[in-house]
């Protein structure tokens, strides 16, 4: 199958490799001043100064904040070291994974170097805390396949139906999306890293570990045989 677009992937976790096999040892010390929430509790500021707003929604911040202290991370608590740990857009990556991401898309990420320790069986280079520093909203909604989110906003207490997504299955970016954007988060699907084929193909070729890449277009034949989850994807009307 020949596509009329670049391939894109949700960055997920390879659960065969235990993506939670790490620990930030000084989590309570690294984030800046707390903020008030509607329920009266206080939470650390874990997102950066960049922000965007979708219609009817409170502003969303993203990227890494200016940390109060250098993160201390213990990797490979029980298993072999991976190249990426964590979930969502806030991750910890190996030094070689960080080098690859910077080489391909130097402006897409925020990185902070971590003091890194591991079990005596291994020697590792320092790991890096990472978050996406680029948010885009250029999606062709007529051709893409997604499900709108529905619920009650935890901050405002107001019900909502969209405009953000609960699920994204088949992604068509707008034609004016810069081709040099290889990594991003979508404003409508803000809890997920998205990588394009350039990063994913390089990651796979180097046999880096810890990530599972879920295609946002019809899977290739090799992906069909090895994907841990396939039911999330549904073909769009333009790709029967």
C-alpha atoms as a PDB file:
ATOM      1  CA  UNK A   1       0.000   0.000   0.000  1.00  0.00           C
ATOM      2  CA  UNK A   2       1.381   3.415  -0.997  1.00  0.00           C
ATOM      3  CA  UNK A   3       0.284   6.326   1.190  1.00  0.00           C
ATOM      4  CA  UNK A   4      -0.083   9.932   0.090  1.00  0.00           C
ATOM      5  CA  UNK A   5       1.374  11.169   3.360  1.00  0.00           C
ATOM      6  CA  UNK A   6       4.191  10.729   5.805  1.00  0.00           C
ATOM      7  CA  UNK A   7       3.708   7.991   8.408  1.00  0.00           C
ATOM      8  CA  UNK A   8       3.082   9.061  12.019  1.00  0.00           C
ATOM      9  CA  UNK A   9       2.992   7.048  15.234  1.00  0.00           C
ATOM     10  CA  UNK A  10       1.786   7.386  18.790  1.00  0.00           C
ATOM     11  CA  UNK A  11       4.684   6.769  21.145  1.00  0.00           C
ATOM     12  CA  UNK A  12       3.467   4.069  23.506  1.00  0.00           C
ATOM     13  CA  UNK A  13       5.134   1.688  25.940  1.00  0.00           C
ATOM     14  CA  UNK A  14       6.599  -1.722  25.196  1.00  0.00           C
ATOM     15  CA  UNK A  15       4.987  -3.537  28.100  1.00  0.00           C
ATOM     16  CA  UNK A  16       7.129  -6.585  27.380  1.00  0.00           C
ATOM     17  CA  UNK A  17      10.078  -4.483  28.587  1.00  0.00           C
ATOM     18  CA  UNK A  18       8.573  -2.921  31.763  1.00  0.00           C
ATOM     19  CA  UNK A  19       8.549   0.838  31.026  1.00  0.00           C
ATOM     20  CA  UNK A  20       8.005   1.594  34.731  1.00  0.00           C
ATOM     21  CA  UNK A  21      11.314  -0.042  35.728  1.00  0.00           C
ATOM     22  CA  UNK A  22      12.766   3.262  36.923  1.00  0.00           C
ATOM     23  CA  UNK A  23      12.273   5.818  39.691  1.00  0.00           C
ATOM     24  CA  UNK A  24      12.797   9.562  40.028  1.00  0.00           C
ATOM     25  CA  UNK A  25      14.429   9.670  43.456  1.00  0.00           C
ATOM     26  CA  UNK A  26      13.946  13.367  44.220  1.00  0.00           C
ATOM     27  CA  UNK A  27      10.580  13.996  42.569  1.00  0.00           C
ATOM     28  CA  UNK A  28       9.360  16.183  45.447  1.00  0.00           C
ATOM     29  CA  UNK A  29      12.403  18.464  45.221  1.00  0.00           C
ATOM     30  CA  UNK A  30      12.726  19.199  41.524  1.00  0.00           C
ATOM     31  CA  UNK A  31       9.491  20.976  40.589  1.00  0.00           C
ATOM     32  CA  UNK A  32       8.827  24.691  41.229  1.00  0.00           C
ATOM     33  CA  UNK A  33       6.154  26.332  43.404  1.00  0.00           C
ATOM     34  CA  UNK A  34       2.790  24.642  43.769  1.00  0.00           C
ATOM     35  CA  UNK A  35      -0.468  25.942  42.319  1.00  0.00           C
ATOM     36  CA  UNK A  36      -4.020  25.943  43.637  1.00  0.00           C
ATOM     37  CA  UNK A  37      -6.669  23.726  42.049  1.00  0.00           C
ATOM     38  CA  UNK A  38     -10.450  23.949  42.303  1.00  0.00           C
ATOM     39  CA  UNK A  39     -10.569  21.212  44.939  1.00  0.00           C
ATOM     40  CA  UNK A  40      -8.274  23.157  47.239  1.00  0.00           C
ATOM     41  CA  UNK A  41      -5.309  20.808  46.966  1.00  0.00           C
ATOM     42  CA  UNK A  42      -1.840  21.933  45.928  1.00  0.00           C
ATOM     43  CA  UNK A  43       0.271  20.255  43.292  1.00  0.00           C
ATOM     44  CA  UNK A  44       3.763  20.799  41.895  1.00  0.00           C
ATOM     45  CA  UNK A  45       4.103  22.721  38.639  1.00  0.00           C
ATOM     46  CA  UNK A  46       5.205  19.928  36.315  1.00  0.00           C
ATOM     47  CA  UNK A  47       4.676  21.654  32.952  1.00  0.00           C
ATOM     48  CA  UNK A  48       6.612  24.453  31.313  1.00  0.00           C
ATOM     49  CA  UNK A  49       5.759  28.050  30.476  1.00  0.00           C
ATOM     50  CA  UNK A  50       4.436  27.266  26.990  1.00  0.00           C
ATOM     51  CA  UNK A  51       0.669  26.988  26.759  1.00  0.00           C
ATOM     52  CA  UNK A  52      -2.264  26.834  24.373  1.00  0.00           C
ATOM     53  CA  UNK A  53      -6.042  26.957  24.675  1.00  0.00           C
ATOM     54  CA  UNK A  54      -8.721  25.016  22.864  1.00  0.00           C
ATOM     55  CA  UNK A  55     -12.175  26.527  22.577  1.00  0.00           C
ATOM     56  CA  UNK A  56     -14.068  26.218  25.850  1.00  0.00           C
ATOM     57  CA  UNK A  57     -11.140  24.638  27.701  1.00  0.00           C
ATOM     58  CA  UNK A  58      -8.745  25.995  30.318  1.00  0.00           C
ATOM     59  CA  UNK A  59      -5.202  26.689  29.051  1.00  0.00           C
ATOM     60  CA  UNK A  60      -2.888  23.693  28.789  1.00  0.00           C
ATOM     61  CA  UNK A  61       0.814  24.027  29.611  1.00  0.00           C
ATOM     62  CA  UNK A  62       3.440  21.744  28.145  1.00  0.00           C
ATOM     63  CA  UNK A  63       7.164  21.125  28.011  1.00  0.00           C
ATOM     64  CA  UNK A  64       9.479  20.982  31.006  1.00  0.00           C
ATOM     65  CA  UNK A  65       9.400  23.714  33.659  1.00  0.00           C
ATOM     66  CA  UNK A  66      12.571  25.257  35.019  1.00  0.00           C
ATOM     67  CA  UNK A  67      13.468  22.672  37.635  1.00  0.00           C
ATOM     68  CA  UNK A  68      14.612  23.559  41.144  1.00  0.00           C
ATOM     69  CA  UNK A  69      17.141  20.731  41.304  1.00  0.00           C
ATOM     70  CA  UNK A  70      18.820  18.238  39.023  1.00  0.00           C
ATOM     71  CA  UNK A  71      16.681  15.094  38.706  1.00  0.00           C
ATOM     72  CA  UNK A  72      18.078  11.918  40.205  1.00  0.00           C
ATOM     73  CA  UNK A  73      16.929   8.775  38.453  1.00  0.00           C
ATOM     74  CA  UNK A  74      17.441   5.078  39.149  1.00  0.00           C
ATOM     75  CA  UNK A  75      17.065   3.062  35.937  1.00  0.00           C
ATOM     76  CA  UNK A  76      16.827  -0.700  35.448  1.00  0.00           C
ATOM     77  CA  UNK A  77      15.502  -1.433  38.920  1.00  0.00           C
ATOM     78  CA  UNK A  78      14.898  -5.090  38.055  1.00  0.00           C
ATOM     79  CA  UNK A  79      15.613  -5.573  34.345  1.00  0.00           C
ATOM     80  CA  UNK A  80      18.069  -4.495  31.671  1.00  0.00           C
ATOM     81  CA  UNK A  81      18.330  -0.760  30.915  1.00  0.00           C
ATOM     82  CA  UNK A  82      15.914   0.611  28.313  1.00  0.00           C
ATOM     83  CA  UNK A  83      16.251   3.604  26.021  1.00  0.00           C
ATOM     84  CA  UNK A  84      12.982   5.151  27.165  1.00  0.00           C
ATOM     85  CA  UNK A  85      10.960   4.944  30.372  1.00  0.00           C
ATOM     86  CA  UNK A  86       7.682   6.457  31.446  1.00  0.00           C
ATOM     87  CA  UNK A  87       4.322   7.371  29.978  1.00  0.00           C
ATOM     88  CA  UNK A  88       2.593  10.207  28.134  1.00  0.00           C
ATOM     89  CA  UNK A  89       4.787  13.102  27.059  1.00  0.00           C
ATOM     90  CA  UNK A  90       6.991  13.136  30.195  1.00  0.00           C
ATOM     91  CA  UNK A  91       9.673  10.495  29.771  1.00  0.00           C
ATOM     92  CA  UNK A  92      13.232   9.588  30.669  1.00  0.00           C
ATOM     93  CA  UNK A  93      15.506   8.627  27.781  1.00  0.00           C
ATOM     94  CA  UNK A  94      18.991   7.214  27.438  1.00  0.00           C
ATOM     95  CA  UNK A  95      21.866   9.375  26.272  1.00  0.00           C
ATOM     96  CA  UNK A  96      21.951   7.685  22.873  1.00  0.00           C
ATOM     97  CA  UNK A  97      18.188   8.117  22.412  1.00  0.00           C
ATOM     98  CA  UNK A  98      18.505  11.789  23.296  1.00  0.00           C
ATOM     99  CA  UNK A  99      21.285  12.173  20.726  1.00  0.00           C
ATOM    100  CA  UNK A 100      19.102  10.615  18.028  1.00  0.00           C
ATOM    101  CA  UNK A 101      16.123  12.856  18.802  1.00  0.00           C
ATOM    102  CA  UNK A 102      18.251  16.004  18.807  1.00  0.00           C
ATOM    103  CA  UNK A 103      19.941  15.009  15.555  1.00  0.00           C
ATOM    104  CA  UNK A 104      16.626  14.521  13.750  1.00  0.00           C
ATOM    105  CA  UNK A 105      14.517  17.292  15.320  1.00  0.00           C
ATOM    106  CA  UNK A 106      16.579  19.633  17.520  1.00  0.00           C
ATOM    107  CA  UNK A 107      13.735  22.019  18.438  1.00  0.00           C
ATOM    108  CA  UNK A 108      10.993  19.516  19.284  1.00  0.00           C
ATOM    109  CA  UNK A 109      12.031  18.588  22.828  1.00  0.00           C
ATOM    110  CA  UNK A 110      12.993  19.930  26.232  1.00  0.00           C
ATOM    111  CA  UNK A 111      15.739  17.930  27.949  1.00  0.00           C
ATOM    112  CA  UNK A 112      17.216  18.019  31.450  1.00  0.00           C
ATOM    113  CA  UNK A 113      20.215  15.865  32.314  1.00  0.00           C
ATOM    114  CA  UNK A 114      19.725  13.513  35.263  1.00  0.00           C
ATOM    115  CA  UNK A 115      22.078  12.198  37.893  1.00  0.00           C
ATOM    116  CA  UNK A 116      21.721   8.541  36.962  1.00  0.00           C
ATOM    117  CA  UNK A 117      22.335   5.384  38.935  1.00  0.00           C
ATOM    118  CA  UNK A 118      21.586   1.752  38.253  1.00  0.00           C
ATOM    119  CA  UNK A 119      22.334  -1.697  39.617  1.00  0.00           C
ATOM    120  CA  UNK A 120      25.964  -2.742  39.897  1.00  0.00           C
ATOM    121  CA  UNK A 121      25.469  -5.176  36.999  1.00  0.00           C
ATOM    122  CA  UNK A 122      25.313  -2.280  34.527  1.00  0.00           C
ATOM    123  CA  UNK A 123      27.174   0.845  33.512  1.00  0.00           C
ATOM    124  CA  UNK A 124      25.028   3.530  31.884  1.00  0.00           C
ATOM    125  CA  UNK A 125      25.561   7.035  30.572  1.00  0.00           C
ATOM    126  CA  UNK A 126      23.406   9.747  32.153  1.00  0.00           C
ATOM    127  CA  UNK A 127      19.724   9.653  31.289  1.00  0.00           C
ATOM    128  CA  UNK A 128      17.655  12.703  30.365  1.00  0.00           C
ATOM    129  CA  UNK A 129      14.216  13.858  31.420  1.00  0.00           C
ATOM    130  CA  UNK A 130      12.353  14.810  28.254  1.00  0.00           C
ATOM    131  CA  UNK A 131       9.085  16.425  27.257  1.00  0.00           C
ATOM    132  CA  UNK A 132       7.647  17.631  23.969  1.00  0.00           C
ATOM    133  CA  UNK A 133       8.263  21.342  23.314  1.00  0.00           C
ATOM    134  CA  UNK A 134       6.111  21.629  20.185  1.00  0.00           C
ATOM    135  CA  UNK A 135       2.300  21.670  20.008  1.00  0.00           C
ATOM    136  CA  UNK A 136       0.463  21.760  16.681  1.00  0.00           C
ATOM    137  CA  UNK A 137      -3.205  21.866  15.722  1.00  0.00           C
ATOM    138  CA  UNK A 138      -2.884  21.426  11.969  1.00  0.00           C
ATOM    139  CA  UNK A 139      -5.029  18.336  11.501  1.00  0.00           C
ATOM    140  CA  UNK A 140      -7.320  17.564   8.586  1.00  0.00           C
ATOM    141  CA  UNK A 141     -10.405  16.589  10.586  1.00  0.00           C
ATOM    142  CA  UNK A 142     -12.377  15.621   7.490  1.00  0.00           C
ATOM    143  CA  UNK A 143      -9.955  12.837   6.619  1.00  0.00           C
ATOM    144  CA  UNK A 144      -8.725  11.831  10.079  1.00  0.00           C
ATOM    145  CA  UNK A 145     -10.471   9.284  12.308  1.00  0.00           C
ATOM    146  CA  UNK A 146     -10.880  10.206  15.971  1.00  0.00           C
ATOM    147  CA  UNK A 147     -13.306  10.119  18.893  1.00  0.00           C
ATOM    148  CA  UNK A 148     -14.085  13.283  20.843  1.00  0.00           C
ATOM    149  CA  UNK A 149     -13.590  13.260  24.607  1.00  0.00           C
ATOM    150  CA  UNK A 150     -16.648  13.570  26.841  1.00  0.00           C
ATOM    151  CA  UNK A 151     -16.865  14.164  30.577  1.00  0.00           C
ATOM    152  CA  UNK A 152     -16.616  16.788  33.333  1.00  0.00           C
ATOM    153  CA  UNK A 153     -13.611  19.103  33.585  1.00  0.00           C
ATOM    154  CA  UNK A 154     -11.712  18.351  36.800  1.00  0.00           C
ATOM    155  CA  UNK A 155     -10.714  21.998  37.247  1.00  0.00           C
ATOM    156  CA  UNK A 156     -13.808  23.959  36.190  1.00  0.00           C
ATOM    157  CA  UNK A 157     -16.423  21.312  36.991  1.00  0.00           C
ATOM    158  CA  UNK A 158     -18.078  21.976  33.638  1.00  0.00           C
ATOM    159  CA  UNK A 159     -19.214  19.180  31.285  1.00  0.00           C
ATOM    160  CA  UNK A 160     -17.555  18.958  27.886  1.00  0.00           C
ATOM    161  CA  UNK A 161     -17.808  17.112  24.591  1.00  0.00           C
ATOM    162  CA  UNK A 162     -14.586  17.805  22.721  1.00  0.00           C
ATOM    163  CA  UNK A 163     -12.912  19.713  21.216  1.00  0.00           C
ATOM    164  CA  UNK A 164     -10.060  17.440  22.314  1.00  0.00           C
ATOM    165  CA  UNK A 165      -9.859  13.753  21.418  1.00  0.00           C
ATOM    166  CA  UNK A 166     -10.434  10.639  23.487  1.00  0.00           C
ATOM    167  CA  UNK A 167      -8.924   8.418  20.793  1.00  0.00           C
ATOM    168  CA  UNK A 168      -7.005   9.103  17.607  1.00  0.00           C
ATOM    169  CA  UNK A 169      -6.881   6.306  15.045  1.00  0.00           C
ATOM    170  CA  UNK A 170      -5.965   7.685  11.626  1.00  0.00           C
ATOM    171  CA  UNK A 171      -4.087  10.976  11.330  1.00  0.00           C
ATOM    172  CA  UNK A 172      -3.980  13.330   8.370  1.00  0.00           C
ATOM    173  CA  UNK A 173      -2.008  16.471   9.154  1.00  0.00           C
ATOM    174  CA  UNK A 174      -2.764  19.687   7.322  1.00  0.00           C
ATOM    175  CA  UNK A 175      -0.818  20.167   4.121  1.00  0.00           C
ATOM    176  CA  UNK A 176       0.909  23.250   5.549  1.00  0.00           C
ATOM    177  CA  UNK A 177       2.516  21.323   8.438  1.00  0.00           C
ATOM    178  CA  UNK A 178       6.272  21.965   8.100  1.00  0.00           C
ATOM    179  CA  UNK A 179       8.034  18.816   6.812  1.00  0.00           C
ATOM    180  CA  UNK A 180      10.837  19.304   9.331  1.00  0.00           C
ATOM    181  CA  UNK A 181       8.395  18.668  12.199  1.00  0.00           C
ATOM    182  CA  UNK A 182       9.290  15.071  13.074  1.00  0.00           C
ATOM    183  CA  UNK A 183       7.965  15.092  16.670  1.00  0.00           C
ATOM    184  CA  UNK A 184       5.007  16.885  18.205  1.00  0.00           C
ATOM    185  CA  UNK A 185       1.982  16.767  20.407  1.00  0.00           C
ATOM    186  CA  UNK A 186      -1.403  17.562  18.924  1.00  0.00           C
ATOM    187  CA  UNK A 187      -3.327  20.208  20.822  1.00  0.00           C
ATOM    188  CA  UNK A 188      -6.439  18.050  20.454  1.00  0.00           C
ATOM    189  CA  UNK A 189      -4.603  14.962  21.801  1.00  0.00           C
ATOM    190  CA  UNK A 190      -2.190  16.548  24.203  1.00  0.00           C
ATOM    191  CA  UNK A 191      -1.206  13.609  26.416  1.00  0.00           C
ATOM    192  CA  UNK A 192       0.681  11.737  23.714  1.00  0.00           C
ATOM    193  CA  UNK A 193       3.967  12.114  21.893  1.00  0.00           C
ATOM    194  CA  UNK A 194       3.720  11.685  18.136  1.00  0.00           C
ATOM    195  CA  UNK A 195       6.785  10.760  16.048  1.00  0.00           C
ATOM    196  CA  UNK A 196       6.987  10.543  12.283  1.00  0.00           C
ATOM    197  CA  UNK A 197       8.563   7.826  10.163  1.00  0.00           C
ATOM    198  CA  UNK A 198      12.001   9.453  10.221  1.00  0.00           C
ATOM    199  CA  UNK A 199      12.394   9.046  13.987  1.00  0.00           C
ATOM    200  CA  UNK A 200      10.569   5.719  14.188  1.00  0.00           C
ATOM    201  CA  UNK A 201      12.514   4.093  11.358  1.00  0.00           C
ATOM    202  CA  UNK A 202      15.823   5.275  12.847  1.00  0.00           C
ATOM    203  CA  UNK A 203      14.827   4.082  16.343  1.00  0.00           C
ATOM    204  CA  UNK A 204      13.907   0.663  15.001  1.00  0.00           C
ATOM    205  CA  UNK A 205      17.041   0.400  12.855  1.00  0.00           C
ATOM    206  CA  UNK A 206      19.218   1.099  15.896  1.00  0.00           C
ATOM    207  CA  UNK A 207      17.216  -1.445  17.933  1.00  0.00           C
ATOM    208  CA  UNK A 208      16.534   0.993  20.742  1.00  0.00           C
ATOM    209  CA  UNK A 209      14.294  -0.436  23.447  1.00  0.00           C
ATOM    210  CA  UNK A 210      11.316   0.551  25.576  1.00  0.00           C
ATOM    211  CA  UNK A 211       8.949   2.119  23.033  1.00  0.00           C
ATOM    212  CA  UNK A 212       6.077   0.704  21.021  1.00  0.00           C
ATOM    213  CA  UNK A 213       5.001   2.775  18.029  1.00  0.00           C
ATOM    214  CA  UNK A 214       1.303   2.593  17.186  1.00  0.00           C
ATOM    215  CA  UNK A 215       0.646   3.602  13.565  1.00  0.00           C
ATOM    216  CA  UNK A 216      -1.751   6.432  12.835  1.00  0.00           C
ATOM    217  CA  UNK A 217      -2.331   5.152   9.317  1.00  0.00           C
ATOM    218  CA  UNK A 218      -2.771   1.699   7.770  1.00  0.00           C
ATOM    219  CA  UNK A 219      -0.012  -0.463   9.295  1.00  0.00           C
ATOM    220  CA  UNK A 220       2.776  -1.769   7.110  1.00  0.00           C
ATOM    221  CA  UNK A 221       2.862  -5.520   6.585  1.00  0.00           C
ATOM    222  CA  UNK A 222       5.705  -5.965   9.055  1.00  0.00           C
ATOM    223  CA  UNK A 223       3.845  -3.872  11.655  1.00  0.00           C
ATOM    224  CA  UNK A 224       0.743  -6.030  11.280  1.00  0.00           C
ATOM    225  CA  UNK A 225       2.712  -9.101  12.342  1.00  0.00           C
ATOM    226  CA  UNK A 226       4.344  -7.585  15.417  1.00  0.00           C
ATOM    227  CA  UNK A 227       2.091  -4.868  16.851  1.00  0.00           C
ATOM    228  CA  UNK A 228       1.108  -5.581  20.479  1.00  0.00           C
ATOM    229  CA  UNK A 229      -2.196  -3.710  19.951  1.00  0.00           C
ATOM    230  CA  UNK A 230      -3.960  -3.516  16.606  1.00  0.00           C
ATOM    231  CA  UNK A 231      -7.632  -3.033  17.432  1.00  0.00           C
ATOM    232  CA  UNK A 232      -7.248   0.693  18.155  1.00  0.00           C
ATOM    233  CA  UNK A 233      -6.752   1.474  14.437  1.00  0.00           C
ATOM    234  CA  UNK A 234      -9.655   1.820  12.056  1.00  0.00           C
ATOM    235  CA  UNK A 235      -9.205   2.732   8.386  1.00  0.00           C
ATOM    236  CA  UNK A 236     -10.610   6.053   7.292  1.00  0.00           C
ATOM    237  CA  UNK A 237     -13.086   6.223   4.375  1.00  0.00           C
ATOM    238  CA  UNK A 238     -10.234   7.221   2.082  1.00  0.00           C
ATOM    239  CA  UNK A 239      -8.329   4.038   2.977  1.00  0.00           C
ATOM    240  CA  UNK A 240     -10.861   1.146   2.878  1.00  0.00           C
END
